[in-house]
PDB file of all heavy atoms in Angstrom:
ATOM      1  N   TRP A   1       0.835  -1.209   0.000  1.00  0.00           N
ATOM      2  CA  TRP A   1       0.000   0.000   0.000  1.00  0.00           C
ATOM      3  C   TRP A   1       0.865   1.253   0.000  1.00  0.00           C
ATOM      4  O   TRP A   1       0.596   2.207  -0.717  1.00  0.00           O
ATOM      5  CB  TRP A   1      -0.926   0.026   1.206  1.00  0.00           C
ATOM      6  CG  TRP A   1      -2.021  -0.991   1.171  1.00  0.00           C
ATOM      7  CD1 TRP A   1      -2.477  -1.687   0.073  1.00  0.00           C
ATOM      8  CD2 TRP A   1      -2.804  -1.436   2.265  1.00  0.00           C
ATOM      9  NE1 TRP A   1      -3.475  -2.536   0.437  1.00  0.00           N
ATOM     10  CE2 TRP A   1      -3.709  -2.405   1.774  1.00  0.00           C
ATOM     11  CE3 TRP A   1      -2.828  -1.119   3.612  1.00  0.00           C
ATOM     12  CZ2 TRP A   1      -4.638  -3.036   2.582  1.00  0.00           C
ATOM     13  CZ3 TRP A   1      -3.758  -1.756   4.426  1.00  0.00           C
ATOM     14  CH2 TRP A   1      -4.641  -2.706   3.915  1.00  0.00           C
ATOM     15  N   ALA A   2       1.913   1.246   0.796  1.00  0.00           N
ATOM     16  CA  ALA A   2       2.814   2.401   0.853  1.00  0.00           C
ATOM     17  C   ALA A   2       3.507   2.614  -0.497  1.00  0.00           C
ATOM     18  O   ALA A   2       3.640   3.759  -0.962  1.00  0.00           O
ATOM     19  CB  ALA A   2       3.849   2.216   1.961  1.00  0.00           C
ATOM     20  N   MET A   3       3.909   1.534  -1.128  1.00  0.00           N
ATOM     21  CA  MET A   3       4.570   1.642  -2.423  1.00  0.00           C
ATOM     22  C   MET A   3       3.613   2.173  -3.495  1.00  0.00           C
ATOM     23  O   MET A   3       4.005   2.955  -4.355  1.00  0.00           O
ATOM     24  CB  MET A   3       5.150   0.289  -2.839  1.00  0.00           C
ATOM     25  CG  MET A   3       6.329  -0.143  -1.979  1.00  0.00           C
ATOM     26  SD  MET A   3       6.827  -1.854  -2.251  1.00  0.00           S
ATOM     27  CE  MET A   3       7.519  -1.746  -3.881  1.00  0.00           C
ATOM     28  N   GLU A   4       2.347   1.742  -3.431  1.00  0.00           N
ATOM     29  CA  GLU A   4       1.364   2.191  -4.417  1.00  0.00           C
ATOM     30  C   GLU A   4       1.165   3.703  -4.383  1.00  0.00           C
ATOM     31  O   GLU A   4       0.872   4.314  -5.403  1.00  0.00           O
ATOM     32  CB  GLU A   4       0.013   1.515  -4.173  1.00  0.00           C
ATOM     33  CG  GLU A   4      -0.024   0.070  -4.584  1.00  0.00           C
ATOM     34  CD  GLU A   4      -1.321  -0.610  -4.207  1.00  0.00           C
ATOM     35  OE1 GLU A   4      -2.206   0.033  -3.585  1.00  0.00           O
ATOM     36  OE2 GLU A   4      -1.463  -1.800  -4.524  1.00  0.00           O
ATOM     37  N   SER A   5       1.302   4.307  -3.217  1.00  0.00           N
ATOM     38  CA  SER A   5       1.087   5.755  -3.100  1.00  0.00           C
ATOM     39  C   SER A   5       2.381   6.561  -3.240  1.00  0.00           C
ATOM     40  O   SER A   5       2.362   7.781  -3.170  1.00  0.00           O
ATOM     41  CB  SER A   5       0.400   6.076  -1.771  1.00  0.00           C
ATOM     42  OG  SER A   5       1.180   5.614  -0.693  1.00  0.00           O
ATOM     43  N   ASP A   6       3.490   5.883  -3.472  1.00  0.00           N
ATOM     44  CA  ASP A   6       4.782   6.550  -3.623  1.00  0.00           C
ATOM     45  C   ASP A   6       5.041   6.799  -5.116  1.00  0.00           C
ATOM     46  O   ASP A   6       5.094   5.850  -5.898  1.00  0.00           O
ATOM     47  CB  ASP A   6       5.886   5.661  -3.034  1.00  0.00           C
ATOM     48  CG  ASP A   6       7.249   6.318  -3.014  1.00  0.00           C
ATOM     49  OD1 ASP A   6       7.505   7.215  -3.840  1.00  0.00           O
ATOM     50  OD2 ASP A   6       8.069   5.901  -2.188  1.00  0.00           O
ATOM     51  N   PRO A   7       5.224   8.082  -5.519  1.00  0.00           N
ATOM     52  CA  PRO A   7       5.464   8.381  -6.940  1.00  0.00           C
ATOM     53  C   PRO A   7       6.665   7.633  -7.533  1.00  0.00           C
ATOM     54  O   PRO A   7       6.706   7.385  -8.743  1.00  0.00           O
ATOM     55  CB  PRO A   7       5.716   9.889  -6.954  1.00  0.00           C
ATOM     56  CG  PRO A   7       5.117  10.401  -5.699  1.00  0.00           C
ATOM     57  CD  PRO A   7       5.173   9.276  -4.707  1.00  0.00           C
ATOM     58  N   GLU A   8       7.611   7.251  -6.709  1.00  0.00           N
ATOM     59  CA  GLU A   8       8.780   6.505  -7.191  1.00  0.00           C
ATOM     60  C   GLU A   8       8.379   5.172  -7.838  1.00  0.00           C
ATOM     61  O   GLU A   8       9.064   4.670  -8.732  1.00  0.00           O
ATOM     62  CB  GLU A   8       9.737   6.240  -6.023  1.00  0.00           C
ATOM     63  CG  GLU A   8      10.948   5.416  -6.393  1.00  0.00           C
ATOM     64  CD  GLU A   8      11.814   5.048  -5.198  1.00  0.00           C
ATOM     65  OE1 GLU A   8      11.643   5.606  -4.100  1.00  0.00           O
ATOM     66  OE2 GLU A   8      12.682   4.185  -5.376  1.00  0.00           O
ATOM     67  N   PHE A   9       7.255   4.598  -7.387  1.00  0.00           N
ATOM     68  CA  PHE A   9       6.825   3.293  -7.874  1.00  0.00           C
ATOM     69  C   PHE A   9       5.634   3.382  -8.833  1.00  0.00           C
ATOM     70  O   PHE A   9       5.019   2.369  -9.153  1.00  0.00           O
ATOM     71  CB  PHE A   9       6.480   2.388  -6.696  1.00  0.00           C
ATOM     72  CG  PHE A   9       7.648   2.139  -5.786  1.00  0.00           C
ATOM     73  CD1 PHE A   9       7.710   2.735  -4.534  1.00  0.00           C
ATOM     74  CD2 PHE A   9       8.709   1.332  -6.192  1.00  0.00           C
ATOM     75  CE1 PHE A   9       8.790   2.521  -3.699  1.00  0.00           C
ATOM     76  CE2 PHE A   9       9.793   1.121  -5.363  1.00  0.00           C
ATOM     77  CZ  PHE A   9       9.837   1.712  -4.112  1.00  0.00           C
ATOM     78  N   GLU A  10       5.338   4.589  -9.316  1.00  0.00           N
ATOM     79  CA  GLU A  10       4.223   4.771 -10.234  1.00  0.00           C
ATOM     80  C   GLU A  10       4.428   3.912 -11.480  1.00  0.00           C
ATOM     81  O   GLU A  10       5.540   3.771 -11.997  1.00  0.00           O
ATOM     82  CB  GLU A  10       4.123   6.246 -10.625  1.00  0.00           C
ATOM     83  CG  GLU A  10       2.897   6.554 -11.445  1.00  0.00           C
ATOM     84  CD  GLU A  10       2.767   8.043 -11.721  1.00  0.00           C
ATOM     85  OE1 GLU A  10       3.714   8.806 -11.446  1.00  0.00           O
ATOM     86  OE2 GLU A  10       1.708   8.427 -12.205  1.00  0.00           O
ATOM     87  N   ASN A  11       3.331   3.330 -11.946  1.00  0.00           N
ATOM     88  CA  ASN A  11       3.343   2.471 -13.140  1.00  0.00           C
ATOM     89  C   ASN A  11       4.196   1.212 -12.983  1.00  0.00           C
ATOM     90  O   ASN A  11       4.707   0.671 -13.963  1.00  0.00           O
ATOM     91  CB  ASN A  11       3.798   3.246 -14.376  1.00  0.00           C
ATOM     92  CG  ASN A  11       2.849   4.357 -14.720  1.00  0.00           C
ATOM     93  OD1 ASN A  11       1.640   4.205 -14.597  1.00  0.00           O
ATOM     94  ND2 ASN A  11       3.383   5.489 -15.131  1.00  0.00           N
ATOM     95  N   ARG A  12       4.354   0.746 -11.751  1.00  0.00           N
ATOM     96  CA  ARG A  12       5.037  -0.521 -11.506  1.00  0.00           C
ATOM     97  C   ARG A  12       4.055  -1.442 -10.795  1.00  0.00           C
ATOM     98  O   ARG A  12       3.200  -0.999 -10.042  1.00  0.00           O
ATOM     99  CB  ARG A  12       6.301  -0.298 -10.680  1.00  0.00           C
ATOM    100  CG  ARG A  12       7.350   0.487 -11.501  1.00  0.00           C
ATOM    101  CD  ARG A  12       8.562   0.840 -10.728  1.00  0.00           C
ATOM    102  NE  ARG A  12       9.365  -0.339 -10.395  1.00  0.00           N
ATOM    103  CZ  ARG A  12      10.420  -0.272  -9.591  1.00  0.00           C
ATOM    104  NH1 ARG A  12      10.798   0.871  -9.045  1.00  0.00           N
ATOM    105  NH2 ARG A  12      11.109  -1.370  -9.334  1.00  0.00           N
ATOM    106  N   LYS A  13       4.189  -2.721 -11.031  1.00  0.00           N
ATOM    107  CA  LYS A  13       3.238  -3.715 -10.538  1.00  0.00           C
ATOM    108  C   LYS A  13       3.972  -4.726  -9.673  1.00  0.00           C
ATOM    109  O   LYS A  13       4.870  -5.412 -10.149  1.00  0.00           O
ATOM    110  CB  LYS A  13       2.587  -4.383 -11.753  1.00  0.00           C
ATOM    111  CG  LYS A  13       1.499  -5.352 -11.444  1.00  0.00           C
ATOM    112  CD  LYS A  13       0.909  -5.867 -12.756  1.00  0.00           C
ATOM    113  CE  LYS A  13       0.090  -7.101 -12.527  1.00  0.00           C
ATOM    114  NZ  LYS A  13      -0.386  -7.689 -13.768  1.00  0.00           N
ATOM    115  N   PHE A  14       3.574  -4.805  -8.391  1.00  0.00           N
ATOM    116  CA  PHE A  14       4.228  -5.699  -7.433  1.00  0.00           C
ATOM    117  C   PHE A  14       3.221  -6.689  -6.854  1.00  0.00           C
ATOM    118  O   PHE A  14       2.031  -6.431  -6.792  1.00  0.00           O
ATOM    119  CB  PHE A  14       4.829  -4.890  -6.271  1.00  0.00           C
ATOM    120  CG  PHE A  14       5.892  -3.917  -6.689  1.00  0.00           C
ATOM    121  CD1 PHE A  14       5.584  -2.582  -6.908  1.00  0.00           C
ATOM    122  CD2 PHE A  14       7.201  -4.333  -6.860  1.00  0.00           C
ATOM    123  CE1 PHE A  14       6.562  -1.677  -7.294  1.00  0.00           C
ATOM    124  CE2 PHE A  14       8.191  -3.437  -7.248  1.00  0.00           C
ATOM    125  CZ  PHE A  14       7.866  -2.102  -7.462  1.00  0.00           C
ATOM    126  N   TYR A  15       3.737  -7.809  -6.378  1.00  0.00           N
ATOM    127  CA  TYR A  15       2.936  -8.770  -5.627  1.00  0.00           C
ATOM    128  C   TYR A  15       3.844  -9.451  -4.614  1.00  0.00           C
ATOM    129  O   TYR A  15       5.073  -9.360  -4.694  1.00  0.00           O
ATOM    130  CB  TYR A  15       2.226  -9.772  -6.543  1.00  0.00           C
ATOM    131  CG  TYR A  15       3.126 -10.688  -7.329  1.00  0.00           C
ATOM    132  CD1 TYR A  15       3.428 -11.967  -6.864  1.00  0.00           C
ATOM    133  CD2 TYR A  15       3.658 -10.305  -8.556  1.00  0.00           C
ATOM    134  CE1 TYR A  15       4.253 -12.814  -7.581  1.00  0.00           C
ATOM    135  CE2 TYR A  15       4.479 -11.153  -9.289  1.00  0.00           C
ATOM    136  CZ  TYR A  15       4.769 -12.398  -8.803  1.00  0.00           C
ATOM    137  OH  TYR A  15       5.578 -13.246  -9.521  1.00  0.00           O
ATOM    138  N   LEU A  16       3.216 -10.139  -3.642  1.00  0.00           N
ATOM    139  CA  LEU A  16       3.946 -10.827  -2.573  1.00  0.00           C
ATOM    140  C   LEU A  16       3.569 -12.296  -2.537  1.00  0.00           C
ATOM    141  O   LEU A  16       2.404 -12.643  -2.680  1.00  0.00           O
ATOM    142  CB  LEU A  16       3.560 -10.269  -1.201  1.00  0.00           C
ATOM    143  CG  LEU A  16       3.866  -8.842  -0.841  1.00  0.00           C
ATOM    144  CD1 LEU A  16       3.230  -8.510   0.509  1.00  0.00           C
ATOM    145  CD2 LEU A  16       5.355  -8.640  -0.774  1.00  0.00           C
ATOM    146  N   ILE A  17       4.565 -13.130  -2.271  1.00  0.00           N
ATOM    147  CA  ILE A  17       4.309 -14.525  -1.919  1.00  0.00           C
ATOM    148  C   ILE A  17       5.196 -14.836  -0.730  1.00  0.00           C
ATOM    149  O   ILE A  17       6.425 -14.752  -0.827  1.00  0.00           O
ATOM    150  CB  ILE A  17       4.591 -15.489  -3.092  1.00  0.00           C
ATOM    151  CG1 ILE A  17       3.654 -15.191  -4.272  1.00  0.00           C
ATOM    152  CG2 ILE A  17       4.429 -16.947  -2.641  1.00  0.00           C
ATOM    153  CD1 ILE A  17       3.901 -16.043  -5.507  1.00  0.00           C
ATOM    154  N   ASP A  18       4.577 -15.146   0.393  1.00  0.00           N
ATOM    155  CA  ASP A  18       5.290 -15.478   1.638  1.00  0.00           C
ATOM    156  C   ASP A  18       6.311 -14.401   2.025  1.00  0.00           C
ATOM    157  O   ASP A  18       7.431 -14.711   2.438  1.00  0.00           O
ATOM    158  CB  ASP A  18       5.971 -16.844   1.525  1.00  0.00           C
ATOM    159  CG  ASP A  18       4.967 -17.972   1.327  1.00  0.00           C
ATOM    160  OD1 ASP A  18       3.851 -17.866   1.872  1.00  0.00           O
ATOM    161  OD2 ASP A  18       5.295 -18.948   0.639  1.00  0.00           O
ATOM    162  N   GLY A  19       5.930 -13.139   1.867  1.00  0.00           N
ATOM    163  CA  GLY A  19       6.783 -12.032   2.285  1.00  0.00           C
ATOM    164  C   GLY A  19       7.850 -11.633   1.292  1.00  0.00           C
ATOM    165  O   GLY A  19       8.585 -10.674   1.514  1.00  0.00           O
ATOM    166  N   ILE A  20       7.945 -12.352   0.179  1.00  0.00           N
ATOM    167  CA  ILE A  20       8.931 -12.015  -0.855  1.00  0.00           C
ATOM    168  C   ILE A  20       8.246 -11.115  -1.882  1.00  0.00           C
ATOM    169  O   ILE A  20       7.169 -11.438  -2.391  1.00  0.00           O
ATOM    170  CB  ILE A  20       9.508 -13.280  -1.517  1.00  0.00           C
ATOM    171  CG1 ILE A  20      10.236 -14.123  -0.464  1.00  0.00           C
ATOM    172  CG2 ILE A  20      10.448 -12.901  -2.661  1.00  0.00           C
ATOM    173  CD1 ILE A  20      10.699 -15.466  -0.962  1.00  0.00           C
ATOM    174  N   LEU A  21       8.875  -9.999  -2.177  1.00  0.00           N
ATOM    175  CA  LEU A  21       8.343  -9.015  -3.114  1.00  0.00           C
ATOM    176  C   LEU A  21       8.798  -9.348  -4.535  1.00  0.00           C
ATOM    177  O   LEU A  21       9.982  -9.575  -4.778  1.00  0.00           O
ATOM    178  CB  LEU A  21       8.841  -7.616  -2.734  1.00  0.00           C
ATOM    179  CG  LEU A  21       8.359  -6.457  -3.583  1.00  0.00           C
ATOM    180  CD1 LEU A  21       6.854  -6.253  -3.416  1.00  0.00           C
ATOM    181  CD2 LEU A  21       9.117  -5.190  -3.210  1.00  0.00           C
ATOM    182  N   TYR A  22       7.829  -9.381  -5.456  1.00  0.00           N
ATOM    183  CA  TYR A  22       8.089  -9.634  -6.868  1.00  0.00           C
ATOM    184  C   TYR A  22       7.552  -8.465  -7.687  1.00  0.00           C
ATOM    185  O   TYR A  22       6.578  -7.823  -7.279  1.00  0.00           O
ATOM    186  CB  TYR A  22       7.383 -10.915  -7.348  1.00  0.00           C
ATOM    187  CG  TYR A  22       7.857 -12.173  -6.676  1.00  0.00           C
ATOM    188  CD1 TYR A  22       7.279 -12.612  -5.489  1.00  0.00           C
ATOM    189  CD2 TYR A  22       8.874 -12.940  -7.235  1.00  0.00           C
ATOM    190  CE1 TYR A  22       7.708 -13.775  -4.872  1.00  0.00           C
ATOM    191  CE2 TYR A  22       9.301 -14.111  -6.624  1.00  0.00           C
ATOM    192  CZ  TYR A  22       8.713 -14.521  -5.441  1.00  0.00           C
ATOM    193  OH  TYR A  22       9.127 -15.678  -4.839  1.00  0.00           O
ATOM    194  N   GLU A  23       8.169  -8.236  -8.826  1.00  0.00           N
ATOM    195  CA  GLU A  23       7.685  -7.206  -9.732  1.00  0.00           C
ATOM    196  C   GLU A  23       7.364  -7.845 -11.072  1.00  0.00           C
ATOM    197  O   GLU A  23       8.159  -8.629 -11.599  1.00  0.00           O
ATOM    198  CB  GLU A  23       8.722  -6.097  -9.913  1.00  0.00           C
ATOM    199  CG  GLU A  23       8.225  -4.987 -10.823  1.00  0.00           C
ATOM    200  CD  GLU A  23       9.176  -3.801 -10.895  1.00  0.00           C
ATOM    201  OE1 GLU A  23      10.273  -3.854 -10.296  1.00  0.00           O
ATOM    202  OE2 GLU A  23       8.801  -2.817 -11.558  1.00  0.00           O
ATOM    203  N   ASP A  24       6.188  -7.503 -11.601  1.00  0.00           N
ATOM    204  CA  ASP A  24       5.794  -7.936 -12.936  1.00  0.00           C
ATOM    205  C   ASP A  24       6.007  -6.789 -13.906  1.00  0.00           C
ATOM    206  O   ASP A  24       5.884  -5.621 -13.529  1.00  0.00           O
ATOM    207  CB  ASP A  24       4.306  -8.313 -12.974  1.00  0.00           C
ATOM    208  CG  ASP A  24       4.049  -9.760 -12.634  1.00  0.00           C
ATOM    209  OD1 ASP A  24       4.982 -10.572 -12.731  1.00  0.00           O
ATOM    210  OD2 ASP A  24       2.900 -10.084 -12.272  1.00  0.00           O
ATOM    211  N   GLU A  25       6.284  -7.134 -15.147  1.00  0.00           N
ATOM    212  CA  GLU A  25       6.384  -6.088 -16.154  1.00  0.00           C
ATOM    213  C   GLU A  25       4.985  -5.568 -16.461  1.00  0.00           C
ATOM    214  O   GLU A  25       3.987  -6.282 -16.275  1.00  0.00           O
ATOM    215  CB  GLU A  25       7.064  -6.616 -17.422  1.00  0.00           C
ATOM    216  CG  GLU A  25       6.230  -7.608 -18.208  1.00  0.00           C
ATOM    217  CD  GLU A  25       6.936  -8.096 -19.465  1.00  0.00           C
ATOM    218  OE1 GLU A  25       8.120  -8.433 -19.389  1.00  0.00           O
ATOM    219  OE2 GLU A  25       6.282  -8.156 -20.516  1.00  0.00           O
ATOM    220  N   MET A  26       4.910  -4.321 -16.887  1.00  0.00           N
ATOM    221  CA  MET A  26       3.623  -3.762 -17.279  1.00  0.00           C
ATOM    222  C   MET A  26       3.164  -4.480 -18.545  1.00  0.00           C
ATOM    223  O   MET A  26       3.965  -4.729 -19.446  1.00  0.00           O
ATOM    224  CB  MET A  26       3.738  -2.257 -17.510  1.00  0.00           C
ATOM    225  CG  MET A  26       4.013  -1.486 -16.220  1.00  0.00           C
ATOM    226  SD  MET A  26       2.774  -1.758 -14.924  1.00  0.00           S
ATOM    227  CE  MET A  26       1.390  -0.874 -15.577  1.00  0.00           C
ATOM    228  N   PRO A  27       1.870  -4.806 -18.617  1.00  0.00           N
ATOM    229  CA  PRO A  27       1.398  -5.588 -19.754  1.00  0.00           C
ATOM    230  C   PRO A  27       1.433  -4.804 -21.066  1.00  0.00           C
ATOM    231  O   PRO A  27       1.205  -3.601 -21.087  1.00  0.00           O
ATOM    232  CB  PRO A  27      -0.027  -5.960 -19.371  1.00  0.00           C
ATOM    233  CG  PRO A  27      -0.405  -5.117 -18.233  1.00  0.00           C
ATOM    234  CD  PRO A  27       0.835  -4.584 -17.618  1.00  0.00           C
ATOM    235  N   ALA A  28       1.709  -5.521 -22.140  1.00  0.00           N
ATOM    236  CA  ALA A  28       1.679  -4.956 -23.482  1.00  0.00           C
ATOM    237  C   ALA A  28       0.263  -5.090 -24.047  1.00  0.00           C
ATOM    238  O   ALA A  28      -0.620  -5.689 -23.429  1.00  0.00           O
ATOM    239  CB  ALA A  28       2.694  -5.677 -24.363  1.00  0.00           C
ATOM    240  N   ARG A  29       0.071  -4.557 -25.227  1.00  0.00           N
ATOM    241  CA  ARG A  29      -1.250  -4.521 -25.848  1.00  0.00           C
ATOM    242  C   ARG A  29      -1.909  -5.904 -25.965  1.00  0.00           C
ATOM    243  O   ARG A  29      -3.085  -6.048 -25.600  1.00  0.00           O
ATOM    244  CB  ARG A  29      -1.150  -3.847 -27.214  1.00  0.00           C
ATOM    245  CG  ARG A  29      -2.470  -3.676 -27.901  1.00  0.00           C
ATOM    246  CD  ARG A  29      -2.313  -2.969 -29.252  1.00  0.00           C
ATOM    247  NE  ARG A  29      -3.552  -3.006 -29.978  1.00  0.00           N
ATOM    248  CZ  ARG A  29      -3.958  -4.027 -30.721  1.00  0.00           C
ATOM    249  NH1 ARG A  29      -3.201  -5.106 -30.821  1.00  0.00           N
ATOM    250  NH2 ARG A  29      -5.106  -3.991 -31.351  1.00  0.00           N
ATOM    251  N   PRO A  30      -1.246  -6.954 -26.481  1.00  0.00           N
ATOM    252  CA  PRO A  30      -1.933  -8.253 -26.579  1.00  0.00           C
ATOM    253  C   PRO A  30      -2.418  -8.764 -25.214  1.00  0.00           C
ATOM    254  O   PRO A  30      -3.527  -9.295 -25.103  1.00  0.00           O
ATOM    255  CB  PRO A  30      -0.869  -9.185 -27.172  1.00  0.00           C
ATOM    256  CG  PRO A  30       0.077  -8.270 -27.890  1.00  0.00           C
ATOM    257  CD  PRO A  30       0.103  -7.010 -27.079  1.00  0.00           C
ATOM    258  N   HIS A  31      -1.606  -8.576 -24.199  1.00  0.00           N
ATOM    259  CA  HIS A  31      -1.977  -8.979 -22.837  1.00  0.00           C
ATOM    260  C   HIS A  31      -3.230  -8.222 -22.403  1.00  0.00           C
ATOM    261  O   HIS A  31      -4.188  -8.800 -21.885  1.00  0.00           O
ATOM    262  CB  HIS A  31      -0.802  -8.680 -21.908  1.00  0.00           C
ATOM    263  CG  HIS A  31      -0.994  -9.114 -20.496  1.00  0.00           C
ATOM    264  ND1 HIS A  31      -1.812  -8.450 -19.604  1.00  0.00           N
ATOM    265  CD2 HIS A  31      -0.470 -10.151 -19.801  1.00  0.00           C
ATOM    266  CE1 HIS A  31      -1.763  -9.053 -18.436  1.00  0.00           C
ATOM    267  NE2 HIS A  31      -0.962 -10.091 -18.532  1.00  0.00           N
ATOM    268  N   ALA A  32      -3.225  -6.915 -22.629  1.00  0.00           N
ATOM    269  CA  ALA A  32      -4.365  -6.085 -22.228  1.00  0.00           C
ATOM    270  C   ALA A  32      -5.630  -6.479 -22.987  1.00  0.00           C
ATOM    271  O   ALA A  32      -6.729  -6.495 -22.418  1.00  0.00           O
ATOM    272  CB  ALA A  32      -4.037  -4.614 -22.453  1.00  0.00           C
ATOM    273  N   ARG A  33      -5.491  -6.802 -24.270  1.00  0.00           N
ATOM    274  CA  ARG A  33      -6.655  -7.216 -25.067  1.00  0.00           C
ATOM    275  C   ARG A  33      -7.248  -8.523 -24.526  1.00  0.00           C
ATOM    276  O   ARG A  33      -8.463  -8.664 -24.417  1.00  0.00           O
ATOM    277  CB  ARG A  33      -6.259  -7.404 -26.534  1.00  0.00           C
ATOM    278  CG  ARG A  33      -5.759  -6.158 -27.205  1.00  0.00           C
ATOM    279  CD  ARG A  33      -6.831  -5.325 -27.859  1.00  0.00           C
ATOM    280  NE  ARG A  33      -7.487  -6.078 -28.908  1.00  0.00           N
ATOM    281  CZ  ARG A  33      -8.783  -5.946 -29.186  1.00  0.00           C
ATOM    282  NH1 ARG A  33      -9.531  -5.114 -28.507  1.00  0.00           N
ATOM    283  NH2 ARG A  33      -9.339  -6.647 -30.144  1.00  0.00           N
ATOM    284  N   LEU A  34      -6.378  -9.470 -24.176  1.00  0.00           N
ATOM    285  CA  LEU A  34      -6.873 -10.723 -23.597  1.00  0.00           C
ATOM    286  C   LEU A  34      -7.541 -10.483 -22.250  1.00  0.00           C
ATOM    287  O   LEU A  34      -8.565 -11.096 -21.935  1.00  0.00           O
ATOM    288  CB  LEU A  34      -5.725 -11.729 -23.460  1.00  0.00           C
ATOM    289  CG  LEU A  34      -5.231 -12.345 -24.759  1.00  0.00           C
ATOM    290  CD1 LEU A  34      -3.950 -13.134 -24.527  1.00  0.00           C
ATOM    291  CD2 LEU A  34      -6.299 -13.224 -25.399  1.00  0.00           C
ATOM    292  N   GLN A  35      -6.977  -9.594 -21.467  1.00  0.00           N
ATOM    293  CA  GLN A  35      -7.539  -9.270 -20.156  1.00  0.00           C
ATOM    294  C   GLN A  35      -8.958  -8.706 -20.308  1.00  0.00           C
ATOM    295  O   GLN A  35      -9.871  -9.119 -19.594  1.00  0.00           O
ATOM    296  CB  GLN A  35      -6.624  -8.253 -19.474  1.00  0.00           C
ATOM    297  CG  GLN A  35      -6.910  -8.016 -18.030  1.00  0.00           C
ATOM    298  CD  GLN A  35      -5.797  -7.194 -17.389  1.00  0.00           C
ATOM    299  OE1 GLN A  35      -4.765  -6.894 -17.983  1.00  0.00           O
ATOM    300  NE2 GLN A  35      -6.011  -6.811 -16.158  1.00  0.00           N
ATOM    301  N   VAL A  36      -9.131  -7.790 -21.247  1.00  0.00           N
ATOM    302  CA  VAL A  36     -10.462  -7.219 -21.491  1.00  0.00           C
ATOM    303  C   VAL A  36     -11.413  -8.294 -22.011  1.00  0.00           C
ATOM    304  O   VAL A  36     -12.577  -8.372 -21.598  1.00  0.00           O
ATOM    305  CB  VAL A  36     -10.370  -6.036 -22.476  1.00  0.00           C
ATOM    306  CG1 VAL A  36     -11.753  -5.612 -22.962  1.00  0.00           C
ATOM    307  CG2 VAL A  36      -9.656  -4.859 -21.825  1.00  0.00           C
ATOM    308  N   ARG A  37     -10.920  -9.138 -22.892  1.00  0.00           N
ATOM    309  CA  ARG A  37     -11.757 -10.182 -23.498  1.00  0.00           C
ATOM    310  C   ARG A  37     -12.280 -11.160 -22.434  1.00  0.00           C
ATOM    311  O   ARG A  37     -13.478 -11.460 -22.389  1.00  0.00           O
ATOM    312  CB  ARG A  37     -10.922 -10.930 -24.541  1.00  0.00           C
ATOM    313  CG  ARG A  37     -11.671 -11.971 -25.315  1.00  0.00           C
ATOM    314  CD  ARG A  37     -12.400 -11.356 -26.452  1.00  0.00           C
ATOM    315  NE  ARG A  37     -12.889 -12.411 -27.351  1.00  0.00           N
ATOM    316  CZ  ARG A  37     -13.848 -12.218 -28.201  1.00  0.00           C
ATOM    317  NH1 ARG A  37     -14.400 -11.028 -28.322  1.00  0.00           N
ATOM    318  NH2 ARG A  37     -14.249 -13.202 -28.978  1.00  0.00           N
ATOM    319  N   ILE A  38     -11.403 -11.626 -21.593  1.00  0.00           N
ATOM    320  CA  ILE A  38     -11.814 -12.572 -20.548  1.00  0.00           C
ATOM    321  C   ILE A  38     -12.744 -11.876 -19.550  1.00  0.00           C
ATOM    322  O   ILE A  38     -13.760 -12.443 -19.136  1.00  0.00           O
ATOM    323  CB  ILE A  38     -10.581 -13.177 -19.855  1.00  0.00           C
ATOM    324  CG1 ILE A  38      -9.823 -14.058 -20.860  1.00  0.00           C
ATOM    325  CG2 ILE A  38     -10.979 -13.980 -18.614  1.00  0.00           C
ATOM    326  CD1 ILE A  38      -8.416 -14.404 -20.449  1.00  0.00           C
ATOM    327  N   SER A  39     -12.415 -10.655 -19.188  1.00  0.00           N
ATOM    328  CA  SER A  39     -13.285  -9.880 -18.288  1.00  0.00           C
ATOM    329  C   SER A  39     -14.683  -9.741 -18.880  1.00  0.00           C
ATOM    330  O   SER A  39     -15.688  -9.850 -18.173  1.00  0.00           O
ATOM    331  CB  SER A  39     -12.703  -8.488 -18.032  1.00  0.00           C
ATOM    332  OG  SER A  39     -11.483  -8.569 -17.363  1.00  0.00           O
ATOM    333  N   HIS A  40     -14.736  -9.499 -20.184  1.00  0.00           N
ATOM    334  CA  HIS A  40     -16.022  -9.349 -20.874  1.00  0.00           C
ATOM    335  C   HIS A  40     -16.885 -10.605 -20.715  1.00  0.00           C
ATOM    336  O   HIS A  40     -18.060 -10.524 -20.341  1.00  0.00           O
ATOM    337  CB  HIS A  40     -15.772  -9.047 -22.356  1.00  0.00           C
ATOM    338  CG  HIS A  40     -16.965  -9.207 -23.227  1.00  0.00           C
ATOM    339  ND1 HIS A  40     -17.987  -8.283 -23.282  1.00  0.00           N
ATOM    340  CD2 HIS A  40     -17.315 -10.220 -24.066  1.00  0.00           C
ATOM    341  CE1 HIS A  40     -18.914  -8.705 -24.120  1.00  0.00           C
ATOM    342  NE2 HIS A  40     -18.530  -9.880 -24.616  1.00  0.00           N
ATOM    343  N   PHE A  41     -16.299 -11.762 -21.004  1.00  0.00           N
ATOM    344  CA  PHE A  41     -17.075 -13.003 -20.900  1.00  0.00           C
ATOM    345  C   PHE A  41     -17.509 -13.272 -19.464  1.00  0.00           C
ATOM    346  O   PHE A  41     -18.637 -13.714 -19.216  1.00  0.00           O
ATOM    347  CB  PHE A  41     -16.279 -14.187 -21.448  1.00  0.00           C
ATOM    348  CG  PHE A  41     -16.153 -14.184 -22.937  1.00  0.00           C
ATOM    349  CD1 PHE A  41     -14.909 -14.077 -23.537  1.00  0.00           C
ATOM    350  CD2 PHE A  41     -17.270 -14.277 -23.753  1.00  0.00           C
ATOM    351  CE1 PHE A  41     -14.772 -14.076 -24.914  1.00  0.00           C
ATOM    352  CE2 PHE A  41     -17.152 -14.272 -25.147  1.00  0.00           C
ATOM    353  CZ  PHE A  41     -15.895 -14.166 -25.724  1.00  0.00           C
ATOM    354  N   LEU A  42     -16.635 -13.018 -18.507  1.00  0.00           N
ATOM    355  CA  LEU A  42     -17.004 -13.227 -17.105  1.00  0.00           C
ATOM    356  C   LEU A  42     -18.031 -12.193 -16.649  1.00  0.00           C
ATOM    357  O   LEU A  42     -18.924 -12.507 -15.849  1.00  0.00           O
ATOM    358  CB  LEU A  42     -15.763 -13.196 -16.216  1.00  0.00           C
ATOM    359  CG  LEU A  42     -14.855 -14.420 -16.335  1.00  0.00           C
ATOM    360  CD1 LEU A  42     -13.546 -14.203 -15.584  1.00  0.00           C
ATOM    361  CD2 LEU A  42     -15.555 -15.672 -15.822  1.00  0.00           C
TER     362      LEU A  42
END
């Protein structure tokens, strides 16, 4: 939550598993299109 509100981490995507911090790359257009498509059906 603190990182999300820090401008230093703007446009970066993080997640945690067992206290270990991971960073995902920002999705590209094909990824985003699939995300919208699946969201639409659901």
